[in-house]
Amino acid sequence: MQTTLSPSTDASMTPRDRQLLAHTPYAQANVPEQFLRHVVDYQRKEQPGTILVDTDARYLYFVLPDGKAIRYGVAVGEEAMAFSGVARVGRLAEWPDWVPTADIQARLGPYPARVPGGPSNPLGARGIYLYSGNKDTLYRIHGTNQPEYIGQAISSGCIRMRNEDVIDLYDRVKLNSTVVVLPPGQSAQAEARGSWRG
């Protein structure tokens, strides 16, 4: 499952993306090679178009046909705050505004009631909103203005990606696509190793 076949193509950024990301208010981070975007072998049974998040390994997979997937490095939620289970993509947004929840305001605030979209916004370049049925779970797959945390469990539950990666994923994913988030202790990599009979 972890054989890197080739780096994925560059994200297709719009002129607005290029403009907003040209002068970010944060330092460019050196993300370790294993957390950069790659096309990899994928042995699990999810259908093409599905997103799978391996919380333990800090990877998000976008499933492709023919036993392949695009693997992206992510930052995930701290254990007590992480979402796990099956959801669907209920909304997609470019440069979304951030509306901090009451819980985030209490724990980390104070923040303004609404932070407009842009490079200093913690949701970054894209928001992929996770729904359960018709209800917003309040969990997101989104960009970040803290790329140095990719590969760590640091967030308030959301799944953070480098902005160029979330733009790439956003261009591929469809509304109502399935999103599977494995809970801690249930790594896709361990599963793949455990099922190997070679």
N, C-alpha and C. Protein backbone atom coordinates (compact mmCIF):
# COMPACT_ATOMS: atom_id res chain seq x y z
N MET A 1 0.82 -1.20 0.00
CA MET A 1 0.00 0.00 0.00
C MET A 1 0.86 1.26 0.00
N GLN A 2 2.07 1.19 0.52
CA GLN A 2 2.85 2.41 0.69
C GLN A 2 3.90 2.60 -0.39
N THR A 3 3.83 1.85 -1.47
CA THR A 3 4.80 2.04 -2.54
C THR A 3 4.49 3.31 -3.30
N THR A 4 5.42 4.24 -3.30
CA THR A 4 5.22 5.48 -4.04
C THR A 4 5.49 5.20 -5.51
N LEU A 5 4.50 5.49 -6.34
CA LEU A 5 4.66 5.26 -7.77
C LEU A 5 5.24 6.50 -8.43
N SER A 6 4.65 7.64 -8.12
CA SER A 6 5.16 8.89 -8.68
C SER A 6 4.51 10.04 -7.93
N PRO A 7 5.17 11.18 -7.86
CA PRO A 7 4.51 12.33 -7.25
C PRO A 7 3.29 12.72 -8.08
N SER A 8 2.25 13.13 -7.41
CA SER A 8 1.07 13.58 -8.12
C SER A 8 1.36 14.92 -8.80
N THR A 9 0.53 15.29 -9.76
CA THR A 9 0.72 16.54 -10.47
C THR A 9 0.49 17.73 -9.54
N ASP A 10 0.98 18.88 -9.95
CA ASP A 10 0.77 20.10 -9.17
C ASP A 10 -0.72 20.42 -9.10
N ALA A 11 -1.11 21.03 -8.00
CA ALA A 11 -2.50 21.44 -7.85
C ALA A 11 -2.85 22.48 -8.91
N SER A 12 -4.09 22.45 -9.36
CA SER A 12 -4.52 23.43 -10.37
C SER A 12 -5.07 24.66 -9.64
N MET A 13 -4.19 25.60 -9.39
CA MET A 13 -4.58 26.80 -8.65
C MET A 13 -5.19 27.84 -9.59
N THR A 14 -6.21 28.51 -9.09
CA THR A 14 -6.82 29.61 -9.84
C THR A 14 -5.94 30.85 -9.68
N PRO A 15 -6.15 31.87 -10.52
CA PRO A 15 -5.41 33.12 -10.33
C PRO A 15 -5.61 33.69 -8.92
N ARG A 16 -6.82 33.56 -8.37
CA ARG A 16 -7.07 34.06 -7.00
C ARG A 16 -6.23 33.28 -5.99
N ASP A 17 -6.15 31.94 -6.18
CA ASP A 17 -5.32 31.13 -5.28
C ASP A 17 -3.87 31.61 -5.32
N ARG A 18 -3.36 31.79 -6.53
CA ARG A 18 -1.95 32.21 -6.67
C ARG A 18 -1.71 33.55 -6.00
N GLN A 19 -2.67 34.45 -6.17
CA GLN A 19 -2.54 35.78 -5.57
C GLN A 19 -2.55 35.69 -4.04
N LEU A 20 -3.51 34.95 -3.49
CA LEU A 20 -3.64 34.88 -2.03
C LEU A 20 -2.49 34.10 -1.39
N LEU A 21 -1.96 33.10 -2.10
CA LEU A 21 -0.89 32.29 -1.53
C LEU A 21 0.50 32.85 -1.81
N ALA A 22 0.58 33.89 -2.63
CA ALA A 22 1.89 34.47 -2.96
C ALA A 22 2.53 35.18 -1.77
N HIS A 23 1.71 35.73 -0.90
CA HIS A 23 2.22 36.50 0.23
C HIS A 23 1.54 36.05 1.52
N THR A 24 1.74 34.80 1.87
CA THR A 24 1.09 34.28 3.08
C THR A 24 1.73 34.87 4.32
N PRO A 25 0.92 35.07 5.37
CA PRO A 25 1.45 35.66 6.61
C PRO A 25 2.13 34.62 7.50
N TYR A 26 2.45 33.45 6.95
CA TYR A 26 3.12 32.42 7.73
C TYR A 26 4.32 31.91 6.93
N ALA A 27 5.26 31.32 7.63
CA ALA A 27 6.47 30.81 6.98
C ALA A 27 6.15 29.54 6.21
N GLN A 28 6.83 29.36 5.10
CA GLN A 28 6.71 28.10 4.37
C GLN A 28 7.36 27.01 5.21
N ALA A 29 6.67 25.90 5.36
CA ALA A 29 7.18 24.81 6.20
C ALA A 29 7.84 23.75 5.33
N ASN A 30 8.87 23.13 5.87
CA ASN A 30 9.47 21.97 5.21
C ASN A 30 8.72 20.73 5.69
N VAL A 31 7.76 20.29 4.90
CA VAL A 31 6.97 19.12 5.25
C VAL A 31 7.78 17.88 4.87
N PRO A 32 7.93 16.90 5.79
CA PRO A 32 8.70 15.70 5.46
C PRO A 32 8.17 15.01 4.19
N GLU A 33 9.09 14.41 3.45
CA GLU A 33 8.77 13.79 2.16
C GLU A 33 7.58 12.85 2.22
N GLN A 34 7.47 12.05 3.30
CA GLN A 34 6.37 11.07 3.33
C GLN A 34 5.01 11.74 3.43
N PHE A 35 4.96 13.00 3.81
CA PHE A 35 3.67 13.70 3.91
C PHE A 35 3.38 14.57 2.69
N LEU A 36 4.23 14.50 1.68
CA LEU A 36 3.92 15.18 0.42
C LEU A 36 2.99 14.31 -0.41
N ARG A 37 2.35 14.89 -1.39
CA ARG A 37 1.34 14.21 -2.20
C ARG A 37 1.99 13.18 -3.13
N HIS A 38 1.47 11.95 -3.09
CA HIS A 38 1.99 10.87 -3.93
C HIS A 38 0.85 9.98 -4.41
N VAL A 39 1.05 9.35 -5.55
CA VAL A 39 0.17 8.28 -5.99
C VAL A 39 0.75 6.98 -5.44
N VAL A 40 -0.08 6.18 -4.76
CA VAL A 40 0.39 4.96 -4.11
C VAL A 40 -0.52 3.78 -4.46
N ASP A 41 -0.02 2.57 -4.23
CA ASP A 41 -0.86 1.38 -4.32
C ASP A 41 -1.86 1.41 -3.17
N TYR A 42 -3.07 0.91 -3.41
CA TYR A 42 -4.13 0.97 -2.40
C TYR A 42 -4.90 -0.35 -2.44
N GLN A 43 -4.85 -1.11 -1.34
CA GLN A 43 -5.41 -2.46 -1.32
C GLN A 43 -6.79 -2.57 -0.69
N ARG A 44 -7.26 -1.52 -0.03
CA ARG A 44 -8.58 -1.61 0.63
C ARG A 44 -9.70 -1.61 -0.40
N LYS A 45 -10.93 -1.80 0.09
CA LYS A 45 -12.07 -2.04 -0.81
C LYS A 45 -12.93 -0.81 -1.09
N GLU A 46 -12.54 0.38 -0.60
CA GLU A 46 -13.37 1.56 -0.85
C GLU A 46 -13.48 1.83 -2.36
N GLN A 47 -14.61 2.37 -2.75
CA GLN A 47 -14.86 2.68 -4.16
C GLN A 47 -14.05 3.90 -4.60
N PRO A 48 -13.66 3.97 -5.88
CA PRO A 48 -13.02 5.18 -6.39
C PRO A 48 -13.88 6.42 -6.09
N GLY A 49 -13.22 7.50 -5.72
CA GLY A 49 -13.93 8.73 -5.35
C GLY A 49 -14.13 8.86 -3.85
N THR A 50 -13.88 7.79 -3.10
CA THR A 50 -13.99 7.82 -1.64
C THR A 50 -12.75 8.49 -1.05
N ILE A 51 -12.95 9.20 0.05
CA ILE A 51 -11.85 9.73 0.87
C ILE A 51 -11.73 8.83 2.09
N LEU A 52 -10.51 8.38 2.40
CA LEU A 52 -10.25 7.64 3.63
C LEU A 52 -9.16 8.38 4.40
N VAL A 53 -9.41 8.63 5.67
CA VAL A 53 -8.42 9.28 6.53
C VAL A 53 -7.88 8.24 7.50
N ASP A 54 -6.57 8.00 7.44
CA ASP A 54 -5.89 7.12 8.38
C ASP A 54 -5.35 8.02 9.49
N THR A 55 -6.10 8.10 10.58
CA THR A 55 -5.78 9.02 11.67
C THR A 55 -4.41 8.73 12.27
N ASP A 56 -4.12 7.44 12.51
CA ASP A 56 -2.84 7.08 13.13
C ASP A 56 -1.65 7.44 12.26
N ALA A 57 -1.76 7.15 10.97
CA ALA A 57 -0.63 7.38 10.06
C ALA A 57 -0.54 8.83 9.59
N ARG A 58 -1.61 9.63 9.82
CA ARG A 58 -1.67 11.04 9.38
C ARG A 58 -1.68 11.15 7.87
N TYR A 59 -2.46 10.24 7.23
CA TYR A 59 -2.62 10.27 5.79
C TYR A 59 -4.09 10.36 5.43
N LEU A 60 -4.36 11.06 4.34
CA LEU A 60 -5.67 11.05 3.69
C LEU A 60 -5.47 10.44 2.31
N TYR A 61 -6.34 9.49 1.97
CA TYR A 61 -6.28 8.84 0.65
C TYR A 61 -7.51 9.23 -0.16
N PHE A 62 -7.30 9.63 -1.40
CA PHE A 62 -8.39 9.78 -2.35
C PHE A 62 -8.29 8.57 -3.28
N VAL A 63 -9.31 7.71 -3.22
CA VAL A 63 -9.24 6.42 -3.91
C VAL A 63 -9.45 6.60 -5.42
N LEU A 64 -8.52 6.03 -6.18
CA LEU A 64 -8.56 6.04 -7.65
C LEU A 64 -8.96 4.64 -8.13
N PRO A 65 -9.28 4.48 -9.40
CA PRO A 65 -9.52 3.14 -9.93
C PRO A 65 -8.23 2.30 -9.95
N ASP A 66 -8.41 1.02 -10.14
CA ASP A 66 -7.30 0.08 -10.41
C ASP A 66 -6.29 -0.02 -9.27
N GLY A 67 -6.78 -0.01 -8.02
CA GLY A 67 -5.89 -0.26 -6.89
C GLY A 67 -4.89 0.83 -6.59
N LYS A 68 -5.22 2.06 -6.93
CA LYS A 68 -4.34 3.20 -6.66
C LYS A 68 -5.09 4.23 -5.81
N ALA A 69 -4.33 5.13 -5.21
CA ALA A 69 -4.91 6.25 -4.48
C ALA A 69 -3.91 7.39 -4.48
N ILE A 70 -4.42 8.60 -4.30
CA ILE A 70 -3.54 9.74 -4.04
C ILE A 70 -3.46 9.87 -2.52
N ARG A 71 -2.24 9.86 -2.00
CA ARG A 71 -2.03 9.96 -0.55
C ARG A 71 -1.51 11.35 -0.23
N TYR A 72 -2.16 12.00 0.72
CA TYR A 72 -1.77 13.33 1.17
C TYR A 72 -1.43 13.24 2.66
N GLY A 73 -0.44 13.99 3.11
CA GLY A 73 -0.19 14.12 4.54
C GLY A 73 -1.18 15.10 5.15
N VAL A 74 -1.60 14.82 6.38
CA VAL A 74 -2.58 15.68 7.06
C VAL A 74 -2.18 15.87 8.52
N ALA A 75 -2.75 16.89 9.13
CA ALA A 75 -2.77 17.01 10.59
C ALA A 75 -4.17 16.60 11.03
N VAL A 76 -4.25 15.86 12.11
CA VAL A 76 -5.55 15.36 12.58
C VAL A 76 -5.85 15.91 13.96
N GLY A 77 -7.05 15.61 14.43
CA GLY A 77 -7.48 16.10 15.73
C GLY A 77 -6.75 15.41 16.87
N GLU A 78 -6.57 16.14 17.96
CA GLU A 78 -6.09 15.51 19.18
C GLU A 78 -7.10 14.42 19.55
N GLU A 79 -6.63 13.36 20.20
CA GLU A 79 -7.43 12.14 20.31
C GLU A 79 -8.84 12.39 20.86
N ALA A 80 -8.96 13.17 21.90
CA ALA A 80 -10.28 13.36 22.52
C ALA A 80 -11.22 14.17 21.64
N MET A 81 -10.67 14.87 20.66
CA MET A 81 -11.52 15.75 19.85
C MET A 81 -11.68 15.29 18.42
N ALA A 82 -11.08 14.18 18.05
CA ALA A 82 -11.07 13.76 16.66
C ALA A 82 -12.39 13.13 16.25
N PHE A 83 -12.81 13.40 15.04
CA PHE A 83 -13.97 12.74 14.44
C PHE A 83 -13.53 11.39 13.89
N SER A 84 -14.36 10.38 14.04
CA SER A 84 -14.13 9.12 13.33
C SER A 84 -15.49 8.56 12.94
N GLY A 85 -15.48 7.75 11.89
CA GLY A 85 -16.72 7.17 11.39
C GLY A 85 -16.87 7.45 9.91
N VAL A 86 -18.10 7.31 9.43
CA VAL A 86 -18.39 7.51 8.01
C VAL A 86 -19.26 8.75 7.88
N ALA A 87 -18.87 9.62 6.96
CA ALA A 87 -19.63 10.84 6.69
C ALA A 87 -19.73 10.99 5.17
N ARG A 88 -20.33 12.09 4.76
CA ARG A 88 -20.38 12.39 3.33
C ARG A 88 -19.99 13.85 3.14
N VAL A 89 -19.54 14.17 1.93
CA VAL A 89 -19.22 15.55 1.61
C VAL A 89 -20.54 16.29 1.39
N GLY A 90 -20.87 17.18 2.33
CA GLY A 90 -22.15 17.89 2.27
C GLY A 90 -22.05 19.30 1.71
N ARG A 91 -20.83 19.82 1.64
CA ARG A 91 -20.64 21.18 1.12
C ARG A 91 -19.17 21.34 0.74
N LEU A 92 -18.92 22.15 -0.28
CA LEU A 92 -17.57 22.48 -0.73
C LEU A 92 -17.46 24.00 -0.82
N ALA A 93 -16.37 24.56 -0.34
CA ALA A 93 -16.23 26.02 -0.37
C ALA A 93 -14.78 26.42 -0.66
N GLU A 94 -14.62 27.45 -1.52
CA GLU A 94 -13.31 28.03 -1.79
C GLU A 94 -13.07 29.20 -0.83
N TRP A 95 -11.90 29.24 -0.24
CA TRP A 95 -11.52 30.29 0.71
C TRP A 95 -12.66 30.60 1.68
N PRO A 96 -13.09 29.57 2.44
CA PRO A 96 -14.27 29.74 3.30
C PRO A 96 -14.00 30.68 4.47
N ASP A 97 -15.08 31.36 4.90
CA ASP A 97 -15.03 32.09 6.16
C ASP A 97 -14.97 31.06 7.29
N TRP A 98 -14.39 31.47 8.41
CA TRP A 98 -14.34 30.60 9.59
C TRP A 98 -15.23 31.19 10.65
N VAL A 99 -16.17 30.39 11.15
CA VAL A 99 -17.04 30.78 12.25
C VAL A 99 -16.67 29.89 13.44
N PRO A 100 -15.85 30.40 14.37
CA PRO A 100 -15.42 29.57 15.50
C PRO A 100 -16.62 29.10 16.32
N THR A 101 -16.64 27.82 16.68
CA THR A 101 -17.72 27.30 17.52
C THR A 101 -17.57 27.84 18.94
N ALA A 102 -18.64 27.71 19.73
CA ALA A 102 -18.60 28.15 21.13
C ALA A 102 -17.49 27.41 21.89
N ASP A 103 -17.32 26.12 21.59
CA ASP A 103 -16.29 25.33 22.25
C ASP A 103 -14.89 25.88 21.95
N ILE A 104 -14.64 26.19 20.68
CA ILE A 104 -13.33 26.75 20.31
C ILE A 104 -13.13 28.12 20.92
N GLN A 105 -14.19 28.92 20.93
CA GLN A 105 -14.09 30.24 21.59
C GLN A 105 -13.71 30.08 23.06
N ALA A 106 -14.34 29.10 23.74
CA ALA A 106 -14.08 28.89 25.17
C ALA A 106 -12.66 28.37 25.41
N ARG A 107 -12.20 27.46 24.56
CA ARG A 107 -10.89 26.83 24.76
C ARG A 107 -9.74 27.68 24.27
N LEU A 108 -9.90 28.32 23.10
CA LEU A 108 -8.77 28.95 22.43
C LEU A 108 -8.94 30.44 22.16
N GLY A 109 -10.15 30.96 22.34
CA GLY A 109 -10.46 32.32 21.96
C GLY A 109 -9.83 33.35 22.88
N PRO A 110 -10.28 34.61 22.77
CA PRO A 110 -11.42 35.00 21.94
C PRO A 110 -11.02 35.25 20.48
N TYR A 111 -11.94 34.86 19.60
CA TYR A 111 -11.83 35.14 18.17
C TYR A 111 -13.00 36.00 17.75
N PRO A 112 -12.90 36.69 16.63
CA PRO A 112 -14.09 37.36 16.09
C PRO A 112 -15.16 36.31 15.80
N ALA A 113 -16.40 36.74 15.72
CA ALA A 113 -17.51 35.82 15.45
C ALA A 113 -17.37 35.17 14.07
N ARG A 114 -16.77 35.90 13.13
CA ARG A 114 -16.54 35.37 11.77
C ARG A 114 -15.20 35.91 11.28
N VAL A 115 -14.36 34.99 10.77
CA VAL A 115 -13.06 35.37 10.20
C VAL A 115 -13.18 35.20 8.68
N PRO A 116 -13.04 36.29 7.90
CA PRO A 116 -13.21 36.16 6.46
C PRO A 116 -12.16 35.26 5.83
N GLY A 117 -12.52 34.62 4.73
CA GLY A 117 -11.60 33.75 4.01
C GLY A 117 -10.37 34.50 3.54
N GLY A 118 -9.23 33.81 3.51
CA GLY A 118 -7.98 34.42 3.08
C GLY A 118 -6.81 33.65 3.65
N PRO A 119 -5.59 34.06 3.30
CA PRO A 119 -4.42 33.28 3.70
C PRO A 119 -4.16 33.23 5.20
N SER A 120 -4.69 34.17 5.98
CA SER A 120 -4.47 34.10 7.43
C SER A 120 -5.61 33.36 8.14
N ASN A 121 -6.62 32.95 7.40
CA ASN A 121 -7.75 32.20 7.96
C ASN A 121 -7.32 30.76 8.23
N PRO A 122 -7.64 30.20 9.41
CA PRO A 122 -7.20 28.84 9.72
C PRO A 122 -7.80 27.76 8.82
N LEU A 123 -8.85 28.06 8.07
CA LEU A 123 -9.43 27.05 7.16
C LEU A 123 -8.70 27.00 5.82
N GLY A 124 -7.83 27.97 5.56
CA GLY A 124 -7.03 27.92 4.35
C GLY A 124 -7.84 28.06 3.07
N ALA A 125 -7.31 27.43 2.00
CA ALA A 125 -7.80 27.69 0.65
C ALA A 125 -9.12 27.01 0.31
N ARG A 126 -9.44 25.90 0.98
CA ARG A 126 -10.67 25.17 0.66
C ARG A 126 -11.24 24.54 1.92
N GLY A 127 -12.57 24.38 1.91
CA GLY A 127 -13.25 23.65 2.97
C GLY A 127 -14.09 22.54 2.37
N ILE A 128 -13.93 21.34 2.88
CA ILE A 128 -14.75 20.18 2.51
C ILE A 128 -15.50 19.81 3.77
N TYR A 129 -16.81 20.02 3.77
CA TYR A 129 -17.63 19.95 4.98
C TYR A 129 -18.22 18.55 5.12
N LEU A 130 -18.01 17.94 6.29
CA LEU A 130 -18.47 16.57 6.52
C LEU A 130 -19.86 16.57 7.16
N TYR A 131 -20.76 15.86 6.51
CA TYR A 131 -22.14 15.75 6.99
C TYR A 131 -22.44 14.30 7.34
N SER A 132 -23.33 14.13 8.32
CA SER A 132 -23.88 12.81 8.64
C SER A 132 -25.37 12.91 8.34
N GLY A 133 -25.83 12.21 7.31
CA GLY A 133 -27.19 12.44 6.82
C GLY A 133 -27.28 13.86 6.30
N ASN A 134 -28.24 14.64 6.79
CA ASN A 134 -28.37 16.04 6.37
C ASN A 134 -27.82 17.01 7.40
N LYS A 135 -27.13 16.48 8.41
CA LYS A 135 -26.65 17.33 9.51
C LYS A 135 -25.15 17.57 9.38
N ASP A 136 -24.75 18.82 9.50
CA ASP A 136 -23.34 19.21 9.49
C ASP A 136 -22.70 18.68 10.78
N THR A 137 -21.64 17.89 10.64
CA THR A 137 -20.95 17.36 11.83
C THR A 137 -20.09 18.43 12.51
N LEU A 138 -19.87 19.57 11.84
CA LEU A 138 -18.96 20.64 12.25
C LEU A 138 -17.49 20.24 12.08
N TYR A 139 -17.24 19.07 11.49
CA TYR A 139 -15.88 18.68 11.14
C TYR A 139 -15.64 18.98 9.67
N ARG A 140 -14.40 19.34 9.36
CA ARG A 140 -14.03 19.73 8.01
C ARG A 140 -12.71 19.08 7.61
N ILE A 141 -12.54 18.91 6.32
CA ILE A 141 -11.22 18.73 5.74
C ILE A 141 -10.90 20.09 5.14
N HIS A 142 -9.80 20.70 5.54
CA HIS A 142 -9.56 22.07 5.08
C HIS A 142 -8.07 22.35 4.98
N GLY A 143 -7.76 23.48 4.37
CA GLY A 143 -6.38 23.94 4.29
C GLY A 143 -5.91 24.41 5.65
N THR A 144 -4.76 25.05 5.66
CA THR A 144 -4.23 25.50 6.95
C THR A 144 -3.30 26.70 6.76
N ASN A 145 -3.22 27.52 7.80
CA ASN A 145 -2.20 28.57 7.83
C ASN A 145 -1.07 28.16 8.78
N GLN A 146 -1.03 26.85 9.12
CA GLN A 146 0.04 26.31 9.96
C GLN A 146 0.56 25.00 9.32
N PRO A 147 1.17 25.08 8.13
CA PRO A 147 1.60 23.86 7.45
C PRO A 147 2.68 23.08 8.22
N GLU A 148 3.31 23.72 9.17
CA GLU A 148 4.35 23.02 9.94
C GLU A 148 3.78 21.88 10.79
N TYR A 149 2.46 21.86 10.98
CA TYR A 149 1.85 20.80 11.80
C TYR A 149 1.39 19.59 11.00
N ILE A 150 1.59 19.59 9.69
CA ILE A 150 1.21 18.41 8.89
C ILE A 150 1.99 17.21 9.42
N GLY A 151 1.28 16.11 9.64
CA GLY A 151 1.89 14.90 10.19
C GLY A 151 1.72 14.78 11.70
N GLN A 152 0.99 15.72 12.32
CA GLN A 152 0.81 15.70 13.78
C GLN A 152 -0.68 15.63 14.14
N ALA A 153 -0.94 15.27 15.40
CA ALA A 153 -2.30 15.31 15.96
C ALA A 153 -2.37 16.57 16.80
N ILE A 154 -2.94 17.61 16.23
CA ILE A 154 -2.83 18.94 16.86
C ILE A 154 -4.13 19.71 16.82
N SER A 155 -5.03 19.37 15.88
CA SER A 155 -6.17 20.24 15.62
C SER A 155 -7.30 20.00 16.62
N SER A 156 -8.32 20.83 16.51
CA SER A 156 -9.52 20.68 17.35
C SER A 156 -10.49 19.68 16.72
N GLY A 157 -9.98 18.75 15.97
CA GLY A 157 -10.82 17.70 15.41
C GLY A 157 -10.87 17.68 13.90
N CYS A 158 -10.63 18.81 13.26
CA CYS A 158 -10.68 18.85 11.81
C CYS A 158 -9.43 18.22 11.21
N ILE A 159 -9.49 17.95 9.92
CA ILE A 159 -8.40 17.34 9.18
C ILE A 159 -7.78 18.43 8.33
N ARG A 160 -6.55 18.81 8.64
CA ARG A 160 -5.88 19.91 7.96
C ARG A 160 -4.94 19.39 6.88
N MET A 161 -4.90 20.10 5.76
CA MET A 161 -4.00 19.76 4.66
C MET A 161 -3.22 21.00 4.25
N ARG A 162 -2.08 20.78 3.59
CA ARG A 162 -1.39 21.92 2.98
C ARG A 162 -2.35 22.54 1.97
N ASN A 163 -2.29 23.85 1.80
CA ASN A 163 -3.24 24.52 0.90
C ASN A 163 -3.18 23.97 -0.52
N GLU A 164 -1.96 23.70 -1.04
CA GLU A 164 -1.87 23.18 -2.40
C GLU A 164 -2.48 21.79 -2.50
N ASP A 165 -2.44 21.03 -1.39
CA ASP A 165 -3.03 19.69 -1.40
C ASP A 165 -4.56 19.75 -1.29
N VAL A 166 -5.08 20.63 -0.46
CA VAL A 166 -6.54 20.69 -0.33
C VAL A 166 -7.16 21.24 -1.62
N ILE A 167 -6.44 22.10 -2.34
CA ILE A 167 -6.93 22.56 -3.65
C ILE A 167 -6.98 21.38 -4.62
N ASP A 168 -5.94 20.55 -4.61
CA ASP A 168 -5.89 19.37 -5.48
C ASP A 168 -7.04 18.42 -5.16
N LEU A 169 -7.25 18.13 -3.86
CA LEU A 169 -8.33 17.23 -3.46
C LEU A 169 -9.69 17.82 -3.81
N TYR A 170 -9.87 19.11 -3.55
CA TYR A 170 -11.14 19.79 -3.82
C TYR A 170 -11.53 19.66 -5.29
N ASP A 171 -10.54 19.74 -6.18
CA ASP A 171 -10.81 19.62 -7.61
C ASP A 171 -11.23 18.21 -8.02
N ARG A 172 -10.97 17.22 -7.17
CA ARG A 172 -11.28 15.83 -7.49
C ARG A 172 -12.58 15.35 -6.84
N VAL A 173 -12.86 15.84 -5.63
CA VAL A 173 -13.95 15.28 -4.84
C VAL A 173 -15.30 15.81 -5.33
N LYS A 174 -16.34 15.01 -5.14
CA LYS A 174 -17.70 15.38 -5.55
C LYS A 174 -18.59 15.50 -4.31
N LEU A 175 -19.61 16.33 -4.41
CA LEU A 175 -20.62 16.40 -3.36
C LEU A 175 -21.19 15.01 -3.13
N ASN A 176 -21.48 14.70 -1.89
CA ASN A 176 -22.06 13.43 -1.45
C ASN A 176 -21.09 12.25 -1.51
N SER A 177 -19.81 12.51 -1.84
CA SER A 177 -18.81 11.43 -1.77
C SER A 177 -18.71 10.93 -0.33
N THR A 178 -18.36 9.65 -0.20
CA THR A 178 -18.18 9.04 1.11
C THR A 178 -16.82 9.42 1.68
N VAL A 179 -16.81 9.72 2.98
CA VAL A 179 -15.57 10.00 3.72
C VAL A 179 -15.51 9.03 4.89
N VAL A 180 -14.46 8.22 4.94
CA VAL A 180 -14.25 7.27 6.03
C VAL A 180 -13.08 7.77 6.86
N VAL A 181 -13.31 7.99 8.15
CA VAL A 181 -12.24 8.43 9.05
C VAL A 181 -12.01 7.31 10.06
N LEU A 182 -10.86 6.65 9.93
CA LEU A 182 -10.54 5.55 10.84
C LEU A 182 -10.22 6.10 12.23
N PRO A 183 -10.73 5.45 13.28
CA PRO A 183 -10.41 5.92 14.63
C PRO A 183 -8.97 5.58 14.99
N PRO A 184 -8.41 6.27 15.99
CA PRO A 184 -7.07 5.90 16.46
C PRO A 184 -7.04 4.41 16.81
N GLY A 185 -5.92 3.77 16.47
CA GLY A 185 -5.78 2.34 16.75
C GLY A 185 -6.23 1.44 15.61
N GLN A 186 -6.77 2.03 14.55
CA GLN A 186 -7.24 1.23 13.42
C GLN A 186 -6.60 1.77 12.13
N SER A 187 -5.31 1.58 12.00
CA SER A 187 -4.58 2.11 10.85
C SER A 187 -4.81 1.27 9.60
N ALA A 188 -4.98 1.94 8.48
CA ALA A 188 -5.11 1.25 7.19
C ALA A 188 -3.83 0.49 6.89
N GLN A 189 -2.68 1.00 7.32
CA GLN A 189 -1.41 0.34 7.06
C GLN A 189 -1.30 -0.96 7.85
N ALA A 190 -1.72 -0.95 9.11
CA ALA A 190 -1.68 -2.16 9.93
C ALA A 190 -2.63 -3.20 9.34
N GLU A 191 -3.79 -2.73 8.88
CA GLU A 191 -4.76 -3.64 8.26
C GLU A 191 -4.15 -4.30 7.04
N ALA A 192 -3.48 -3.51 6.22
CA ALA A 192 -2.88 -4.05 4.99
C ALA A 192 -1.80 -5.08 5.35
N ARG A 193 -0.99 -4.75 6.36
CA ARG A 193 0.05 -5.71 6.78
C ARG A 193 -0.57 -6.96 7.35
N GLY A 194 -1.65 -6.78 8.14
CA GLY A 194 -2.30 -7.92 8.79
C GLY A 194 -2.96 -8.87 7.81
N SER A 195 -3.39 -8.35 6.65
CA SER A 195 -4.08 -9.20 5.68
C SER A 195 -3.11 -9.80 4.67
N TRP A 196 -1.84 -9.46 4.76
CA TRP A 196 -0.87 -9.94 3.77
C TRP A 196 -0.56 -11.41 4.03
N ARG A 197 -0.68 -12.20 3.00
CA ARG A 197 -0.34 -13.63 3.09
C ARG A 197 0.66 -13.94 1.98
N GLY A 198 1.92 -13.62 2.16
CA GLY A 198 2.86 -13.75 1.06
C GLY A 198 3.88 -14.83 1.23
